[in-house]
Full PDB file with SEQRES, HELIX, SHEET, SSBOND, CRYST1, ORIGX, SCALE, CONECT and MASTER records, all heavy atoms in Angstrom:
SEQRES   1 A   31  GLU LEU ASN LEU ILE LYS ASP ALA VAL LYS VAL ALA ASN          
SEQRES   2 A   31  ASP LEU ASP LEU GLU VAL ALA ALA GLY HIS GLY LEU ASN          
SEQRES   3 A   31  TYR GLN ASN VAL LYS                                          
HELIX    1 AA1 LEU A    2  ASP A   14  1                                  13    
CRYST1    1.000    1.000    1.000  90.00  90.00  90.00 P 1           1          
ORIGX1      1.000000  0.000000  0.000000        0.00000                         
ORIGX2      0.000000  1.000000  0.000000        0.00000                         
ORIGX3      0.000000  0.000000  1.000000        0.00000                         
SCALE1      1.000000  0.000000  0.000000        0.00000                         
SCALE2      0.000000  1.000000  0.000000        0.00000                         
SCALE3      0.000000  0.000000  1.000000        0.00000                         
ATOM      1  N   GLU A   1      89.805 122.003  20.249  1.00  0.00           N  
ATOM      2  CA  GLU A   1      89.684 123.383  20.741  1.00  0.00           C  
ATOM      3  C   GLU A   1      90.980 124.150  20.551  1.00  0.00           C  
ATOM      4  O   GLU A   1      90.961 125.323  20.157  1.00  0.00           O  
ATOM      5  CB  GLU A   1      89.271 123.382  22.217  1.00  0.00           C  
ATOM      6  CG  GLU A   1      88.955 124.755  22.788  1.00  0.00           C  
ATOM      7  CD  GLU A   1      87.729 125.416  22.172  1.00  0.00           C  
ATOM      8  OE1 GLU A   1      86.939 124.724  21.521  1.00  0.00           O  
ATOM      9  OE2 GLU A   1      87.568 126.648  22.369  1.00  0.00           O  
ATOM     10  N   LEU A   2      92.107 123.514  20.804  1.00  0.00           N  
ATOM     11  CA  LEU A   2      93.398 124.169  20.578  1.00  0.00           C  
ATOM     12  C   LEU A   2      93.591 124.519  19.106  1.00  0.00           C  
ATOM     13  O   LEU A   2      94.059 125.615  18.780  1.00  0.00           O  
ATOM     14  CB  LEU A   2      94.539 123.261  21.053  1.00  0.00           C  
ATOM     15  CG  LEU A   2      94.810 123.271  22.556  1.00  0.00           C  
ATOM     16  CD1 LEU A   2      95.777 122.150  22.931  1.00  0.00           C  
ATOM     17  CD2 LEU A   2      95.375 124.616  23.007  1.00  0.00           C  
ATOM     18  N   ASN A   3      93.219 123.615  18.225  1.00  0.00           N  
ATOM     19  CA  ASN A   3      93.342 123.889  16.786  1.00  0.00           C  
ATOM     20  C   ASN A   3      92.413 125.023  16.361  1.00  0.00           C  
ATOM     21  O   ASN A   3      92.781 125.855  15.511  1.00  0.00           O  
ATOM     22  CB  ASN A   3      93.036 122.630  15.969  1.00  0.00           C  
ATOM     23  CG  ASN A   3      94.149 121.607  16.048  1.00  0.00           C  
ATOM     24  OD1 ASN A   3      95.319 121.964  16.247  1.00  0.00           O  
ATOM     25  ND2 ASN A   3      93.826 120.339  15.903  1.00  0.00           N  
ATOM     26  N   LEU A   4      91.220 125.070  16.961  1.00  0.00           N  
ATOM     27  CA  LEU A   4      90.282 126.147  16.659  1.00  0.00           C  
ATOM     28  C   LEU A   4      90.850 127.494  17.089  1.00  0.00           C  
ATOM     29  O   LEU A   4      90.765 128.483  16.346  1.00  0.00           O  
ATOM     30  CB  LEU A   4      88.947 125.884  17.359  1.00  0.00           C  
ATOM     31  CG  LEU A   4      87.860 126.947  17.165  1.00  0.00           C  
ATOM     32  CD1 LEU A   4      87.504 127.083  15.686  1.00  0.00           C  
ATOM     33  CD2 LEU A   4      86.620 126.593  17.983  1.00  0.00           C  
ATOM     34  N   ILE A   5      91.456 127.530  18.271  1.00  0.00           N  
ATOM     35  CA  ILE A   5      92.062 128.776  18.757  1.00  0.00           C  
ATOM     36  C   ILE A   5      93.209 129.202  17.848  1.00  0.00           C  
ATOM     37  O   ILE A   5      93.328 130.376  17.478  1.00  0.00           O  
ATOM     38  CB  ILE A   5      92.537 128.615  20.222  1.00  0.00           C  
ATOM     39  CG1 ILE A   5      91.334 128.424  21.148  1.00  0.00           C  
ATOM     40  CG2 ILE A   5      93.356 129.828  20.662  1.00  0.00           C  
ATOM     41  CD1 ILE A   5      91.704 128.048  22.583  1.00  0.00           C  
ATOM     42  N   LYS A   6      94.055 128.249  17.460  1.00  0.00           N  
ATOM     43  CA  LYS A   6      95.171 128.561  16.548  1.00  0.00           C  
ATOM     44  C   LYS A   6      94.664 129.154  15.237  1.00  0.00           C  
ATOM     45  O   LYS A   6      95.191 130.149  14.742  1.00  0.00           O  
ATOM     46  CB  LYS A   6      95.988 127.293  16.260  1.00  0.00           C  
ATOM     47  CG  LYS A   6      96.846 126.819  17.407  1.00  0.00           C  
ATOM     48  CD  LYS A   6      97.542 125.510  17.052  1.00  0.00           C  
ATOM     49  CE  LYS A   6      98.316 124.960  18.238  1.00  0.00           C  
ATOM     50  NZ  LYS A   6      98.912 123.635  17.940  1.00  0.00           N  
ATOM     51  N   ASP A   7      93.635 128.535  14.681  1.00  0.00           N  
ATOM     52  CA  ASP A   7      93.080 129.028  13.415  1.00  0.00           C  
ATOM     53  C   ASP A   7      92.446 130.409  13.599  1.00  0.00           C  
ATOM     54  O   ASP A   7      92.553 131.274  12.719  1.00  0.00           O  
ATOM     55  CB  ASP A   7      92.037 128.045  12.887  1.00  0.00           C  
ATOM     56  CG  ASP A   7      92.650 126.737  12.404  1.00  0.00           C  
ATOM     57  OD1 ASP A   7      93.878 126.704  12.168  1.00  0.00           O  
ATOM     58  OD2 ASP A   7      91.906 125.747  12.278  1.00  0.00           O  
ATOM     59  N   ALA A   8      91.792 130.621  14.744  1.00  0.00           N  
ATOM     60  CA  ALA A   8      91.165 131.911  15.021  1.00  0.00           C  
ATOM     61  C   ALA A   8      92.209 133.019  15.125  1.00  0.00           C  
ATOM     62  O   ALA A   8      92.005 134.134  14.628  1.00  0.00           O  
ATOM     63  CB  ALA A   8      90.354 131.828  16.320  1.00  0.00           C  
ATOM     64  N   VAL A   9      93.327 132.706  15.740  1.00  0.00           N  
ATOM     65  CA  VAL A   9      94.420 133.686  15.852  1.00  0.00           C  
ATOM     66  C   VAL A   9      94.919 134.075  14.466  1.00  0.00           C  
ATOM     67  O   VAL A   9      95.138 135.256  14.171  1.00  0.00           O  
ATOM     68  CB  VAL A   9      95.580 133.122  16.705  1.00  0.00           C  
ATOM     69  CG1 VAL A   9      96.782 134.062  16.668  1.00  0.00           C  
ATOM     70  CG2 VAL A   9      95.129 132.905  18.145  1.00  0.00           C  
ATOM     71  N   LYS A  10      95.074 133.089  13.596  1.00  0.00           N  
ATOM     72  CA  LYS A  10      95.554 133.376  12.233  1.00  0.00           C  
ATOM     73  C   LYS A  10      94.566 134.253  11.469  1.00  0.00           C  
ATOM     74  O   LYS A  10      94.954 135.207  10.787  1.00  0.00           O  
ATOM     75  CB  LYS A  10      95.804 132.073  11.473  1.00  0.00           C  
ATOM     76  CG  LYS A  10      96.449 132.298  10.104  1.00  0.00           C  
ATOM     77  CD  LYS A  10      96.730 131.010   9.383  1.00  0.00           C  
ATOM     78  CE  LYS A  10      97.525 131.259   8.105  1.00  0.00           C  
ATOM     79  NZ  LYS A  10      96.902 132.268   7.224  1.00  0.00           N  
ATOM     80  N   VAL A  11      93.285 133.941  11.590  1.00  0.00           N  
ATOM     81  CA  VAL A  11      92.254 134.748  10.923  1.00  0.00           C  
ATOM     82  C   VAL A  11      92.323 136.194  11.399  1.00  0.00           C  
ATOM     83  O   VAL A  11      92.275 137.141  10.611  1.00  0.00           O  
ATOM     84  CB  VAL A  11      90.850 134.150  11.169  1.00  0.00           C  
ATOM     85  CG1 VAL A  11      89.758 135.121  10.717  1.00  0.00           C  
ATOM     86  CG2 VAL A  11      90.696 132.817  10.451  1.00  0.00           C  
ATOM     87  N   ALA A  12      92.454 136.368  12.719  1.00  0.00           N  
ATOM     88  CA  ALA A  12      92.520 137.718  13.292  1.00  0.00           C  
ATOM     89  C   ALA A  12      93.775 138.453  12.829  1.00  0.00           C  
ATOM     90  O   ALA A  12      93.711 139.627  12.446  1.00  0.00           O  
ATOM     91  CB  ALA A  12      92.487 137.634  14.815  1.00  0.00           C  
ATOM     92  N   ASN A  13      94.904 137.787  12.861  1.00  0.00           N  
ATOM     93  CA  ASN A  13      96.153 138.409  12.412  1.00  0.00           C  
ATOM     94  C   ASN A  13      96.088 138.822  10.946  1.00  0.00           C  
ATOM     95  O   ASN A  13      96.578 139.883  10.560  1.00  0.00           O  
ATOM     96  CB  ASN A  13      97.331 137.459  12.627  1.00  0.00           C  
ATOM     97  CG  ASN A  13      97.741 137.297  14.079  1.00  0.00           C  
ATOM     98  OD1 ASN A  13      98.476 136.379  14.425  1.00  0.00           O  
ATOM     99  ND2 ASN A  13      97.276 138.177  14.951  1.00  0.00           N  
ATOM    100  N   ASP A  14      95.456 137.982  10.119  1.00  0.00           N  
ATOM    101  CA  ASP A  14      95.318 138.293   8.693  1.00  0.00           C  
ATOM    102  C   ASP A  14      94.448 139.535   8.476  1.00  0.00           C  
ATOM    103  O   ASP A  14      94.561 140.202   7.439  1.00  0.00           O  
ATOM    104  CB  ASP A  14      94.716 137.111   7.941  1.00  0.00           C  
ATOM    105  CG  ASP A  14      95.699 135.954   7.781  1.00  0.00           C  
ATOM    106  OD1 ASP A  14      96.908 136.171   8.007  1.00  0.00           O  
ATOM    107  OD2 ASP A  14      95.255 134.833   7.452  1.00  0.00           O  
ATOM    108  N   LEU A  15      93.596 139.837   9.459  1.00  0.00           N  
ATOM    109  CA  LEU A  15      92.749 141.027   9.398  1.00  0.00           C  
ATOM    110  C   LEU A  15      93.396 142.220  10.116  1.00  0.00           C  
ATOM    111  O   LEU A  15      92.748 143.249  10.310  1.00  0.00           O  
ATOM    112  CB  LEU A  15      91.385 140.727  10.028  1.00  0.00           C  
ATOM    113  CG  LEU A  15      90.484 139.763   9.254  1.00  0.00           C  
ATOM    114  CD1 LEU A  15      89.274 139.366  10.098  1.00  0.00           C  
ATOM    115  CD2 LEU A  15      90.033 140.380   7.934  1.00  0.00           C  
ATOM    116  N   ASP A  16      94.668 142.052  10.508  1.00  0.00           N  
ATOM    117  CA  ASP A  16      95.407 143.107  11.215  1.00  0.00           C  
ATOM    118  C   ASP A  16      94.813 143.441  12.578  1.00  0.00           C  
ATOM    119  O   ASP A  16      94.867 144.585  13.041  1.00  0.00           O  
ATOM    120  CB  ASP A  16      95.506 144.387  10.369  1.00  0.00           C  
ATOM    121  CG  ASP A  16      96.389 144.193   9.144  1.00  0.00           C  
ATOM    122  OD1 ASP A  16      97.386 143.466   9.254  1.00  0.00           O  
ATOM    123  OD2 ASP A  16      96.060 144.753   8.091  1.00  0.00           O  
ATOM    124  N   LEU A  17      94.236 142.437  13.221  1.00  0.00           N  
ATOM    125  CA  LEU A  17      93.767 142.582  14.606  1.00  0.00           C  
ATOM    126  C   LEU A  17      94.832 142.016  15.536  1.00  0.00           C  
ATOM    127  O   LEU A  17      95.363 140.926  15.298  1.00  0.00           O  
ATOM    128  CB  LEU A  17      92.459 141.814  14.819  1.00  0.00           C  
ATOM    129  CG  LEU A  17      91.187 142.409  14.208  1.00  0.00           C  
ATOM    130  CD1 LEU A  17      90.070 141.372  14.215  1.00  0.00           C  
ATOM    131  CD2 LEU A  17      90.764 143.659  14.970  1.00  0.00           C  
ATOM    132  N   GLU A  18      95.156 142.761  16.585  1.00  0.00           N  
ATOM    133  CA  GLU A  18      96.018 142.199  17.625  1.00  0.00           C  
ATOM    134  C   GLU A  18      95.211 141.179  18.420  1.00  0.00           C  
ATOM    135  O   GLU A  18      93.979 141.299  18.530  1.00  0.00           O  
ATOM    136  CB  GLU A  18      96.529 143.310  18.541  1.00  0.00           C  
ATOM    137  CG  GLU A  18      97.487 144.267  17.862  1.00  0.00           C  
ATOM    138  CD  GLU A  18      98.095 145.250  18.843  1.00  0.00           C  
ATOM    139  OE1 GLU A  18      97.347 145.792  19.683  1.00  0.00           O  
ATOM    140  OE2 GLU A  18      99.318 145.472  18.770  1.00  0.00           O  
ATOM    141  N   VAL A  19      95.895 140.191  18.978  1.00  0.00           N  
ATOM    142  CA  VAL A  19      95.189 139.103  19.657  1.00  0.00           C  
ATOM    143  C   VAL A  19      95.727 138.886  21.066  1.00  0.00           C  
ATOM    144  O   VAL A  19      96.930 138.699  21.271  1.00  0.00           O  
ATOM    145  CB  VAL A  19      95.299 137.775  18.868  1.00  0.00           C  
ATOM    146  CG1 VAL A  19      94.539 136.666  19.589  1.00  0.00           C  
ATOM    147  CG2 VAL A  19      94.758 137.950  17.450  1.00  0.00           C  
ATOM    148  N   ALA A  20      94.812 138.925  22.017  1.00  0.00           N  
ATOM    149  CA  ALA A  20      95.089 138.529  23.395  1.00  0.00           C  
ATOM    150  C   ALA A  20      94.268 137.274  23.680  1.00  0.00           C  
ATOM    151  O   ALA A  20      93.440 136.857  22.860  1.00  0.00           O  
ATOM    152  CB  ALA A  20      94.713 139.651  24.363  1.00  0.00           C  
ATOM    153  N   ALA A  21      94.499 136.665  24.822  1.00  0.00           N  
ATOM    154  CA  ALA A  21      93.717 135.492  25.207  1.00  0.00           C  
ATOM    155  C   ALA A  21      93.560 135.483  26.721  1.00  0.00           C  
ATOM    156  O   ALA A  21      94.401 136.019  27.449  1.00  0.00           O  
ATOM    157  CB  ALA A  21      94.391 134.203  24.730  1.00  0.00           C  
ATOM    158  N   GLY A  22      92.489 134.870  27.180  1.00  0.00           N  
ATOM    159  CA  GLY A  22      92.294 134.785  28.618  1.00  0.00           C  
ATOM    160  C   GLY A  22      91.009 134.085  28.997  1.00  0.00           C  
ATOM    161  O   GLY A  22      90.136 133.863  28.166  1.00  0.00           O  
ATOM    162  N   HIS A  23      90.919 133.723  30.222  1.00  0.00           N  
ATOM    163  CA  HIS A  23      89.807 133.099  30.933  1.00  0.00           C  
ATOM    164  C   HIS A  23      90.143 131.643  31.259  1.00  0.00           C  
ATOM    165  O   HIS A  23      90.318 130.813  30.382  1.00  0.00           O  
ATOM    166  CB  HIS A  23      88.480 133.147  30.174  1.00  0.00           C  
ATOM    167  CG  HIS A  23      87.298 133.011  31.103  1.00  0.00           C  
ATOM    168  ND1 HIS A  23      86.837 134.058  31.874  1.00  0.00           N  
ATOM    169  CD2 HIS A  23      86.539 131.952  31.441  1.00  0.00           C  
ATOM    170  CE1 HIS A  23      85.817 133.657  32.610  1.00  0.00           C  
ATOM    171  NE2 HIS A  23      85.624 132.373  32.372  1.00  0.00           N  
ATOM    172  N   GLY A  24      90.254 131.385  32.547  1.00  0.00           N  
ATOM    173  CA  GLY A  24      90.524 130.035  33.019  1.00  0.00           C  
ATOM    174  C   GLY A  24      91.974 129.604  32.906  1.00  0.00           C  
ATOM    175  O   GLY A  24      92.315 128.466  33.256  1.00  0.00           O  
ATOM    176  N   LEU A  25      92.844 130.475  32.428  1.00  0.00           N  
ATOM    177  CA  LEU A  25      94.254 130.094  32.288  1.00  0.00           C  
ATOM    178  C   LEU A  25      94.914 130.028  33.655  1.00  0.00           C  
ATOM    179  O   LEU A  25      94.688 130.872  34.514  1.00  0.00           O  
ATOM    180  CB  LEU A  25      94.985 131.086  31.381  1.00  0.00           C  
ATOM    181  CG  LEU A  25      94.476 131.176  29.944  1.00  0.00           C  
ATOM    182  CD1 LEU A  25      95.272 132.199  29.152  1.00  0.00           C  
ATOM    183  CD2 LEU A  25      94.533 129.804  29.258  1.00  0.00           C  
ATOM    184  N   ASN A  26      95.748 129.001  33.841  1.00  0.00           N  
ATOM    185  CA  ASN A  26      96.439 128.827  35.116  1.00  0.00           C  
ATOM    186  C   ASN A  26      97.851 128.300  34.878  1.00  0.00           C  
ATOM    187  O   ASN A  26      98.294 128.174  33.736  1.00  0.00           O  
ATOM    188  CB  ASN A  26      95.638 127.913  36.055  1.00  0.00           C  
ATOM    189  CG  ASN A  26      95.400 126.526  35.471  1.00  0.00           C  
ATOM    190  OD1 ASN A  26      96.217 125.988  34.730  1.00  0.00           O  
ATOM    191  ND2 ASN A  26      94.270 125.924  35.810  1.00  0.00           N  
ATOM    192  N   TYR A  27      98.539 127.967  35.941  1.00  0.00           N  
ATOM    193  CA  TYR A  27      99.947 127.555  35.838  1.00  0.00           C  
ATOM    194  C   TYR A  27     100.107 126.221  35.115  1.00  0.00           C  
ATOM    195  O   TYR A  27     101.176 125.927  34.592  1.00  0.00           O  
ATOM    196  CB  TYR A  27     100.566 127.470  37.234  1.00  0.00           C  
ATOM    197  CG  TYR A  27     100.604 128.798  37.948  1.00  0.00           C  
ATOM    198  CD1 TYR A  27      99.545 129.214  38.740  1.00  0.00           C  
ATOM    199  CD2 TYR A  27     101.702 129.654  37.816  1.00  0.00           C  
ATOM    200  CE1 TYR A  27      99.571 130.442  39.380  1.00  0.00           C  
ATOM    201  CE2 TYR A  27     101.738 130.878  38.456  1.00  0.00           C  
ATOM    202  CZ  TYR A  27     100.663 131.271  39.236  1.00  0.00           C  
ATOM    203  OH  TYR A  27     100.683 132.489  39.860  1.00  0.00           O  
ATOM    204  N   GLN A  28      99.064 125.421  35.096  1.00  0.00           N  
ATOM    205  CA  GLN A  28      99.155 124.113  34.458  1.00  0.00           C  
ATOM    206  C   GLN A  28      98.832 124.157  32.959  1.00  0.00           C  
ATOM    207  O   GLN A  28      99.420 123.426  32.171  1.00  0.00           O  
ATOM    208  CB  GLN A  28      98.194 123.122  35.143  1.00  0.00           C  
ATOM    209  CG  GLN A  28      98.613 122.698  36.541  1.00  0.00           C  
ATOM    210  CD  GLN A  28      98.425 123.816  37.564  1.00  0.00           C  
ATOM    211  OE1 GLN A  28      97.383 124.476  37.598  1.00  0.00           O  
ATOM    212  NE2 GLN A  28      99.413 124.019  38.412  1.00  0.00           N  
ATOM    213  N   ASN A  29      97.887 125.017  32.563  1.00  0.00           N  
ATOM    214  CA  ASN A  29      97.412 124.958  31.175  1.00  0.00           C  
ATOM    215  C   ASN A  29      97.902 126.097  30.289  1.00  0.00           C  
ATOM    216  O   ASN A  29      97.609 126.130  29.095  1.00  0.00           O  
ATOM    217  CB  ASN A  29      95.873 124.898  31.144  1.00  0.00           C  
ATOM    218  CG  ASN A  29      95.219 126.171  31.665  1.00  0.00           C  
ATOM    219  OD1 ASN A  29      95.780 127.258  31.617  1.00  0.00           O  
ATOM    220  ND2 ASN A  29      94.003 126.031  32.170  1.00  0.00           N  
ATOM    221  N   VAL A  30      98.637 127.048  30.852  1.00  0.00           N  
ATOM    222  CA  VAL A  30      98.932 128.281  30.120  1.00  0.00           C  
ATOM    223  C   VAL A  30      99.927 128.103  28.971  1.00  0.00           C  
ATOM    224  O   VAL A  30      99.867 128.824  27.980  1.00  0.00           O  
ATOM    225  CB  VAL A  30      99.424 129.381  31.091  1.00  0.00           C  
ATOM    226  CG1 VAL A  30     100.849 129.086  31.577  1.00  0.00           C  
ATOM    227  CG2 VAL A  30      99.355 130.753  30.444  1.00  0.00           C  
ATOM    228  N   LYS A  31     100.833 127.132  29.080  1.00  0.00           N  
ATOM    229  CA  LYS A  31     101.911 127.036  28.083  1.00  0.00           C  
ATOM    230  C   LYS A  31     101.398 126.806  26.668  1.00  0.00           C  
ATOM    231  O   LYS A  31     101.920 127.372  25.709  1.00  0.00           O  
ATOM    232  CB  LYS A  31     102.907 125.942  28.483  1.00  0.00           C  
ATOM    233  CG  LYS A  31     104.031 126.466  29.363  1.00  0.00           C  
ATOM    234  CD  LYS A  31     105.198 125.519  29.389  1.00  0.00           C  
ATOM    235  CE  LYS A  31     106.417 126.145  30.032  1.00  0.00           C  
ATOM    236  NZ  LYS A  31     106.963 127.266  29.252  1.00  0.00           N  
TER     237      LYS A  31                                                      
MASTER        0    0    0    1    0    0    0    6  236    1    0    3          
END                                                                             
């Protein structure tokens, strides 16, 4: 899942889309 998110960010950036992320993030998993 982490690799999928990384690849998705790259695809979006290559299309000149800014990227945010969220849902379920907390102090333990956010880094």
